[in-house]
C-alpha atoms as a PDB file:
ATOM      1  CA  MET A   1      60.111  57.893 115.131  1.00  0.00           C
ATOM      2  CA  VAL A   2      57.910  59.923 112.858  1.00  0.00           C
ATOM      3  CA  GLY A   3      55.895  56.824 111.873  1.00  0.00           C
ATOM      4  CA  ASP A   4      54.832  56.142 115.470  1.00  0.00           C
ATOM      5  CA  LEU A   5      52.268  58.913 115.875  1.00  0.00           C
ATOM      6  CA  GLY A   6      50.012  56.787 118.092  1.00  0.00           C
ATOM      7  CA  CYS A   7      52.685  56.093 120.702  1.00  0.00           C
ATOM      8  CA  GLY A   8      52.315  57.738 124.099  1.00  0.00           C
ATOM      9  CA  SER A   9      55.951  58.776 123.922  1.00  0.00           C
ATOM     10  CA  GLN A  10      54.973  61.188 121.155  1.00  0.00           C
ATOM     11  CA  TYR A  11      52.503  62.982 123.450  1.00  0.00           C
ATOM     12  CA  PHE A  12      54.313  62.964 126.815  1.00  0.00           C
ATOM     13  CA  SER A  13      57.838  63.926 125.855  1.00  0.00           C
ATOM     14  CA  GLN A  14      60.144  66.406 124.185  1.00  0.00           C
ATOM     15  CA  GLN A  15      58.427  65.556 120.906  1.00  0.00           C
ATOM     16  CA  ALA A  16      55.125  66.845 122.256  1.00  0.00           C
ATOM     17  CA  VAL A  17      56.757  70.051 123.474  1.00  0.00           C
ATOM     18  CA  GLY A  18      58.348  70.512 120.053  1.00  0.00           C
ATOM     19  CA  ARG A  19      55.011  70.064 118.281  1.00  0.00           C
ATOM     20  CA  LEU A  20      53.194  72.453 120.603  1.00  0.00           C
ATOM     21  CA  LEU A  21      55.662  75.354 120.335  1.00  0.00           C
ATOM     22  CA  GLY A  22      54.043  76.881 117.248  1.00  0.00           C
ATOM     23  CA  PRO A  23      50.444  76.608 118.448  1.00  0.00           C
ATOM     24  CA  ALA A  24      51.520  78.128 121.783  1.00  0.00           C
ATOM     25  CA  GLY A  25      53.139  81.064 119.985  1.00  0.00           C
ATOM     26  CA  ILE A  26      56.715  80.251 120.956  1.00  0.00           C
ATOM     27  CA  ASP A  27      59.234  80.745 118.151  1.00  0.00           C
ATOM     28  CA  LEU A  28      62.482  78.804 118.476  1.00  0.00           C
ATOM     29  CA  PRO A  29      64.957  77.896 115.731  1.00  0.00           C
ATOM     30  CA  LYS A  30      63.760  74.910 113.697  1.00  0.00           C
ATOM     31  CA  ASP A  31      67.210  73.294 113.872  1.00  0.00           C
ATOM     32  CA  MET A  32      67.391  73.549 117.685  1.00  0.00           C
ATOM     33  CA  PRO A  33      67.462  70.010 119.151  1.00  0.00           C
ATOM     34  CA  LEU A  34      64.368  68.909 121.083  1.00  0.00           C
ATOM     35  CA  PRO A  35      66.164  68.701 124.452  1.00  0.00           C
ATOM     36  CA  GLU A  36      67.200  72.352 124.107  1.00  0.00           C
ATOM     37  CA  LYS A  37      63.674  73.373 123.101  1.00  0.00           C
ATOM     38  CA  LEU A  38      62.360  71.699 126.237  1.00  0.00           C
ATOM     39  CA  VAL A  39      64.903  73.588 128.351  1.00  0.00           C
ATOM     40  CA  GLU A  40      63.750  76.876 126.800  1.00  0.00           C
ATOM     41  CA  VAL A  41      60.102  76.057 127.562  1.00  0.00           C
ATOM     42  CA  GLN A  42      61.068  75.141 131.126  1.00  0.00           C
ATOM     43  CA  LYS A  43      62.815  78.504 131.485  1.00  0.00           C
ATOM     44  CA  LEU A  44      59.729  80.296 130.176  1.00  0.00           C
ATOM     45  CA  MET A  45      57.548  78.318 132.570  1.00  0.00           C
ATOM     46  CA  ALA A  46      59.785  79.291 135.501  1.00  0.00           C
ATOM     47  CA  LYS A  47      59.224  82.945 134.511  1.00  0.00           C
ATOM     48  CA  GLY A  48      55.449  82.431 134.482  1.00  0.00           C
ATOM     49  CA  ASP A  49      55.040  82.702 130.699  1.00  0.00           C
ATOM     50  CA  PRO A  50      51.425  81.800 129.819  1.00  0.00           C
ATOM     51  CA  ARG A  51      52.512  80.329 126.475  1.00  0.00           C
ATOM     52  CA  ALA A  52      54.636  77.722 128.260  1.00  0.00           C
ATOM     53  CA  ARG A  53      51.768  77.049 130.663  1.00  0.00           C
ATOM     54  CA  ARG A  54      49.522  76.278 127.663  1.00  0.00           C
ATOM     55  CA  ILE A  55      51.994  73.631 126.500  1.00  0.00           C
ATOM     56  CA  TYR A  56      51.994  71.950 129.906  1.00  0.00           C
ATOM     57  CA  SER A  57      48.216  72.230 130.139  1.00  0.00           C
ATOM     58  CA  THR A  58      47.790  70.597 126.742  1.00  0.00           C
ATOM     59  CA  ILE A  59      50.108  67.726 127.661  1.00  0.00           C
ATOM     60  CA  GLY A  60      48.121  67.322 130.892  1.00  0.00           C
ATOM     61  CA  THR A  61      44.924  67.088 128.843  1.00  0.00           C
ATOM     62  CA  TYR A  62      46.576  64.438 126.674  1.00  0.00           C
ATOM     63  CA  LEU A  63      47.430  62.534 129.856  1.00  0.00           C
ATOM     64  CA  GLY A  64      43.867  62.665 131.145  1.00  0.00           C
ATOM     65  CA  TYR A  65      42.455  61.268 127.913  1.00  0.00           C
ATOM     66  CA  ALA A  66      45.214  58.646 127.700  1.00  0.00           C
ATOM     67  CA  ILE A  67      44.522  57.363 131.212  1.00  0.00           C
ATOM     68  CA  ALA A  68      40.867  56.890 130.342  1.00  0.00           C
ATOM     69  CA  GLN A  69      41.805  55.094 127.130  1.00  0.00           C
ATOM     70  CA  PHE A  70      44.409  52.903 128.867  1.00  0.00           C
ATOM     71  CA  ALA A  71      41.731  51.913 131.399  1.00  0.00           C
ATOM     72  CA  ASP A  72      39.755  50.407 128.515  1.00  0.00           C
ATOM     73  CA  CYS A  73      42.619  47.953 127.942  1.00  0.00           C
ATOM     74  CA  TYR A  74      44.242  47.577 131.356  1.00  0.00           C
ATOM     75  CA  HIS A  75      42.935  47.100 134.869  1.00  0.00           C
ATOM     76  CA  VAL A  76      43.878  50.405 136.508  1.00  0.00           C
ATOM     77  CA  GLU A  77      43.399  50.301 140.240  1.00  0.00           C
ATOM     78  CA  HIS A  78      45.880  52.937 141.368  1.00  0.00           C
ATOM     79  CA  LEU A  79      47.637  55.705 139.518  1.00  0.00           C
ATOM     80  CA  LEU A  80      50.561  57.693 140.878  1.00  0.00           C
ATOM     81  CA  ILE A  81      51.481  60.901 139.076  1.00  0.00           C
ATOM     82  CA  LEU A  82      54.555  62.725 140.317  1.00  0.00           C
ATOM     83  CA  GLY A  83      55.833  66.161 139.474  1.00  0.00           C
ATOM     84  CA  ALA A  84      56.191  69.687 140.661  1.00  0.00           C
ATOM     85  CA  SER A  85      53.704  72.471 140.276  1.00  0.00           C
END
């Protein structure tokens, strides 16, 4: 939802990738659905495109700040982050 700008889902999802395309210098059709935009960024990342890497790096920065902020509200003892590099 557009009105939920403070939700983590807006910063760790296809929506985040869609918002970061322009700042990263990646031009995709505006009417392309978000899942397809994500697939295109994943393809660029697989080819080693530094623009795609910037998107992933930015989302990783969002995650780091979010974890610190979540720890202000929740008792965080262990954190497991999975993914491929």
